Amino acid sequence: MDRRILDQCPLFRGLSDNDTAYALAFFHAREQHCRRGEQLNRTGEMMRNFGLVLTGIIHVSMDDFDGNQLLMASVTPGITFGESLCYLGMEALVSVESVTDSTVLMMDTESLRHPAASQTAMDIELTRRFTAMLAERTLRMNDRIQVLSKLTIREKVITLLSQYTGRENTAVITLPFNREAMATYLGTNQSALSRELRKMKDEGIIRFHGSTFEIL
């Protein structure tokens, strides 16, 4: 298991090797290898585990009232998914799919929901880290709301690219989705998105190749 990936996750960041081993046991962690197109969880099923992506890309999606699929998150290595639903023990309103061959560290929240009678200092620290991770995820949802609140495709694209360039502190970024997934994430049509991207490129607003973009 790549320690660099674990260190990107708030649950494990900065822990010693011994404390990392304790944390993995605390969350009953196990590696799961997923094939491209494999469903990790379906809409209506209980989310019994949350995951940390180690390799590949995982998509979290839901259907709107008209049956159209909405991409809620494109999850890349070092990022988690499903924490809230797992902790609450709820039926998932989302589906989780591996869009590439992937490896996911599957974990559960049993030790959080049913704490030991006498908790160790590390138990308390891991509970704090999990809570902080949920708070951070809530802030990230604000990014999605900002994108969807824009009226035009161009505004949505600029908002999305600005969020990623600001987060990664670099002028050139690679989005974790292809053009179809990008259109779904922005809540628009793929053909319309492609036309707008070409216009923006011709006007010297952006430069792109595939999923790699630069705001000029």
Protein backbone atom coordinates (compact mmCIF):
# COMPACT_ATOMS: atom_id res chain seq x y z
CA MET A 1 0.00 0.00 0.00
CA ASP A 2 1.42 3.37 -1.06
CA ARG A 3 2.04 5.46 2.05
CA ARG A 4 1.94 8.64 -0.04
CA ILE A 5 -1.70 7.94 -0.89
CA LEU A 6 -2.58 7.31 2.75
CA ASP A 7 -0.96 10.61 3.72
CA GLN A 8 -3.34 12.46 1.38
CA CYS A 9 -6.28 11.26 3.49
CA PRO A 10 -7.09 13.20 6.71
CA LEU A 11 -7.61 9.91 8.57
CA PHE A 12 -3.99 8.83 8.16
CA ARG A 13 -2.05 12.00 7.41
CA GLY A 14 1.04 12.38 9.61
CA LEU A 15 0.55 9.17 11.60
CA SER A 16 3.51 7.00 12.53
CA ASP A 17 3.73 3.51 11.05
CA ASN A 18 2.43 1.99 14.31
CA ASP A 19 -0.46 4.46 14.54
CA THR A 20 -1.29 3.88 10.87
CA ALA A 21 -1.48 0.14 11.50
CA TYR A 22 -3.76 0.83 14.48
CA ALA A 23 -5.98 3.11 12.37
CA LEU A 24 -6.29 0.50 9.61
CA ALA A 25 -7.40 -2.05 12.19
CA PHE A 26 -9.75 0.50 13.83
CA PHE A 27 -11.59 1.00 10.52
CA HIS A 28 -11.34 -2.71 9.60
CA ALA A 29 -9.57 -1.73 6.36
CA ARG A 30 -9.17 -4.15 3.47
CA GLU A 31 -8.04 -3.66 -0.11
CA GLN A 32 -10.55 -4.35 -2.87
CA HIS A 33 -9.57 -4.61 -6.53
CA CYS A 34 -12.29 -3.42 -8.90
CA ARG A 35 -12.70 -3.95 -12.61
CA ARG A 36 -13.69 -1.16 -14.97
CA GLY A 37 -17.48 -0.78 -14.87
CA GLU A 38 -17.85 -2.70 -11.61
CA GLN A 39 -20.55 -1.43 -9.24
CA LEU A 40 -19.35 -1.00 -5.66
CA ASN A 41 -22.77 0.08 -4.41
CA ARG A 42 -26.18 0.48 -6.07
CA THR A 43 -28.92 2.99 -5.41
CA GLY A 44 -31.15 1.71 -2.59
CA GLU A 45 -28.48 -0.57 -1.09
CA MET A 46 -27.03 -0.02 2.36
CA MET A 47 -23.62 1.67 2.24
CA ARG A 48 -21.83 -0.75 4.57
CA ASN A 49 -18.35 0.57 3.80
CA PHE A 50 -16.72 3.81 2.84
CA GLY A 51 -13.70 3.80 0.59
CA LEU A 52 -10.35 5.46 0.03
CA VAL A 53 -9.25 5.29 -3.60
CA LEU A 54 -5.70 3.95 -3.91
CA THR A 55 -5.55 3.66 -7.71
CA GLY A 56 -7.99 4.44 -10.53
CA ILE A 57 -11.12 6.57 -10.55
CA ILE A 58 -14.47 6.01 -8.80
CA HIS A 59 -17.67 7.83 -9.79
CA VAL A 60 -20.48 8.58 -7.35
CA SER A 61 -23.75 9.29 -9.18
CA MET A 62 -27.46 9.69 -8.52
CA ASP A 63 -30.60 9.91 -10.66
CA ASP A 64 -32.81 13.00 -10.75
CA PHE A 65 -36.62 12.87 -10.84
CA ASP A 66 -36.56 12.44 -14.63
CA GLY A 67 -34.19 9.49 -14.44
CA ASN A 68 -31.18 11.42 -15.70
CA GLN A 69 -27.89 10.45 -14.09
CA LEU A 70 -26.06 13.19 -12.20
CA LEU A 71 -22.36 12.82 -11.45
CA MET A 72 -21.91 13.87 -7.83
CA ALA A 73 -18.18 13.18 -7.49
CA SER A 74 -15.25 11.83 -9.46
CA VAL A 75 -13.02 10.32 -6.79
CA THR A 76 -9.29 10.00 -7.43
CA PRO A 77 -6.43 8.46 -5.39
CA GLY A 78 -6.15 9.85 -1.87
CA ILE A 79 -9.83 10.83 -1.70
CA THR A 80 -12.60 9.03 0.19
CA PHE A 81 -16.28 8.45 -0.61
CA GLY A 82 -19.39 7.23 1.19
CA GLU A 83 -18.39 8.25 4.74
CA SER A 84 -21.67 9.87 5.80
CA LEU A 85 -23.92 7.15 4.39
CA CYS A 86 -21.77 4.46 5.94
CA TYR A 87 -21.80 6.11 9.36
CA LEU A 88 -25.56 6.72 9.30
CA GLY A 89 -26.30 3.20 8.08
CA MET A 90 -28.70 4.57 5.47
CA GLU A 91 -29.84 3.20 2.14
CA ALA A 92 -27.74 4.98 -0.45
CA LEU A 93 -29.37 7.49 -2.78
CA VAL A 94 -26.28 7.19 -4.95
CA SER A 95 -24.53 4.51 -6.98
CA VAL A 96 -20.78 3.96 -6.84
CA GLU A 97 -18.94 2.69 -9.91
CA SER A 98 -15.32 2.03 -10.78
CA VAL A 99 -14.83 3.73 -14.15
CA THR A 100 -11.31 2.35 -14.51
CA ASP A 101 -9.56 -0.66 -13.07
CA SER A 102 -9.16 0.52 -9.49
CA THR A 103 -7.96 -0.43 -6.03
CA VAL A 104 -9.98 0.84 -3.08
CA LEU A 105 -9.28 0.62 0.64
CA MET A 106 -12.69 -0.35 2.01
CA MET A 107 -13.38 0.62 5.64
CA ASP A 108 -16.31 0.67 8.04
CA THR A 109 -17.47 2.85 10.93
CA GLU A 110 -18.35 0.15 13.48
CA SER A 111 -15.67 1.32 15.92
CA LEU A 112 -17.11 4.84 15.72
CA ARG A 113 -20.74 3.84 16.08
CA HIS A 114 -20.04 1.35 18.88
CA PRO A 115 -17.02 2.69 20.77
CA ALA A 116 -15.23 0.57 23.34
CA ALA A 117 -16.13 1.08 27.00
CA SER A 118 -12.69 2.52 27.67
CA GLN A 119 -11.38 4.40 24.65
CA THR A 120 -7.70 4.91 24.05
CA ALA A 121 -6.21 8.26 23.16
CA MET A 122 -5.82 6.97 19.60
CA ASP A 123 -9.51 5.99 19.45
CA ILE A 124 -10.43 9.56 20.38
CA GLU A 125 -7.98 10.99 17.83
CA LEU A 126 -9.36 8.83 15.02
CA THR A 127 -12.91 9.87 15.91
CA ARG A 128 -11.81 13.52 15.76
CA ARG A 129 -10.15 12.96 12.39
CA PHE A 130 -13.24 11.29 10.96
CA THR A 131 -15.43 14.20 12.11
CA ALA A 132 -13.00 16.73 10.63
CA MET A 133 -13.02 14.80 7.35
CA LEU A 134 -16.82 15.02 7.18
CA ALA A 135 -16.64 18.77 7.82
CA GLU A 136 -14.10 19.15 5.02
CA ARG A 137 -16.35 17.17 2.68
CA THR A 138 -19.23 19.56 3.46
CA LEU A 139 -17.06 22.48 2.39
CA ARG A 140 -16.19 20.68 -0.84
CA MET A 141 -19.92 20.30 -1.60
CA ASN A 142 -20.06 24.09 -1.71
CA ASP A 143 -17.79 23.91 -4.76
CA ARG A 144 -20.38 21.80 -6.58
CA ILE A 145 -23.17 24.16 -5.58
CA GLN A 146 -21.21 27.10 -6.99
CA VAL A 147 -20.79 25.29 -10.31
CA LEU A 148 -24.45 24.30 -10.63
CA SER A 149 -25.65 27.78 -9.66
CA LYS A 150 -24.07 29.32 -12.78
CA LEU A 151 -26.48 29.98 -15.63
CA THR A 152 -24.28 29.42 -18.68
CA ILE A 153 -21.98 26.59 -19.69
CA ARG A 154 -19.08 29.05 -19.95
CA GLU A 155 -19.61 30.24 -16.38
CA LYS A 156 -19.80 26.65 -15.17
CA VAL A 157 -16.54 25.75 -16.96
CA ILE A 158 -14.67 28.80 -15.64
CA THR A 159 -15.91 28.14 -12.10
CA LEU A 160 -14.88 24.47 -12.24
CA LEU A 161 -11.43 25.18 -13.65
CA SER A 162 -10.86 28.01 -11.17
CA GLN A 163 -11.69 25.69 -8.27
CA TYR A 164 -9.16 23.09 -9.42
CA THR A 165 -6.40 25.59 -10.21
CA GLY A 166 -6.92 27.24 -6.82
CA ARG A 167 -6.96 23.92 -4.98
CA GLU A 168 -3.85 22.55 -6.71
CA ASN A 169 -2.10 25.95 -6.91
CA THR A 170 -1.06 25.42 -10.52
CA ALA A 171 -2.04 26.99 -13.83
CA VAL A 172 -2.33 23.64 -15.64
CA ILE A 173 -4.69 21.03 -14.19
CA THR A 174 -5.96 17.62 -15.24
CA LEU A 175 -9.61 17.00 -14.44
CA PRO A 176 -10.54 13.55 -13.09
CA PHE A 177 -13.20 12.96 -15.77
CA ASN A 178 -13.55 12.56 -19.51
CA ARG A 179 -15.74 14.89 -21.59
CA GLU A 180 -18.94 12.90 -21.01
CA ALA A 181 -18.41 12.83 -17.25
CA MET A 182 -17.49 16.53 -17.25
CA ALA A 183 -20.76 17.37 -19.00
CA THR A 184 -22.69 15.29 -16.48
CA TYR A 185 -20.89 16.98 -13.58
CA LEU A 186 -21.69 20.41 -14.99
CA GLY A 187 -25.31 19.45 -15.59
CA THR A 188 -25.21 20.05 -19.32
CA ASN A 189 -25.19 18.29 -22.70
CA GLN A 190 -21.90 16.83 -23.94
CA SER A 191 -22.25 18.27 -27.45
CA ALA A 192 -23.08 21.72 -26.09
CA LEU A 193 -20.11 21.53 -23.73
CA SER A 194 -17.74 20.55 -26.55
CA ARG A 195 -18.96 23.48 -28.68
CA GLU A 196 -18.47 25.94 -25.83
CA LEU A 197 -14.99 24.62 -25.06
CA ARG A 198 -13.98 25.08 -28.70
CA LYS A 199 -15.30 28.67 -28.63
CA MET A 200 -13.41 29.42 -25.43
CA LYS A 201 -10.25 27.96 -26.96
CA ASP A 202 -10.67 30.01 -30.16
CA GLU A 203 -11.20 33.16 -28.08
CA GLY A 204 -7.98 32.54 -26.15
CA ILE A 205 -9.72 31.99 -22.80
CA ILE A 206 -8.50 28.45 -22.21
CA ARG A 207 -6.11 25.90 -23.68
CA PHE A 208 -6.87 22.20 -23.38
CA HIS A 209 -5.97 18.75 -24.60
CA GLY A 210 -8.20 15.91 -23.45
CA SER A 211 -8.79 16.42 -19.73
CA THR A 212 -5.82 18.77 -19.24
CA PHE A 213 -6.78 22.46 -19.08
CA GLU A 214 -5.12 25.83 -18.65
CA ILE A 215 -6.89 29.15 -18.05
CA LEU A 216 -5.05 31.75 -20.13
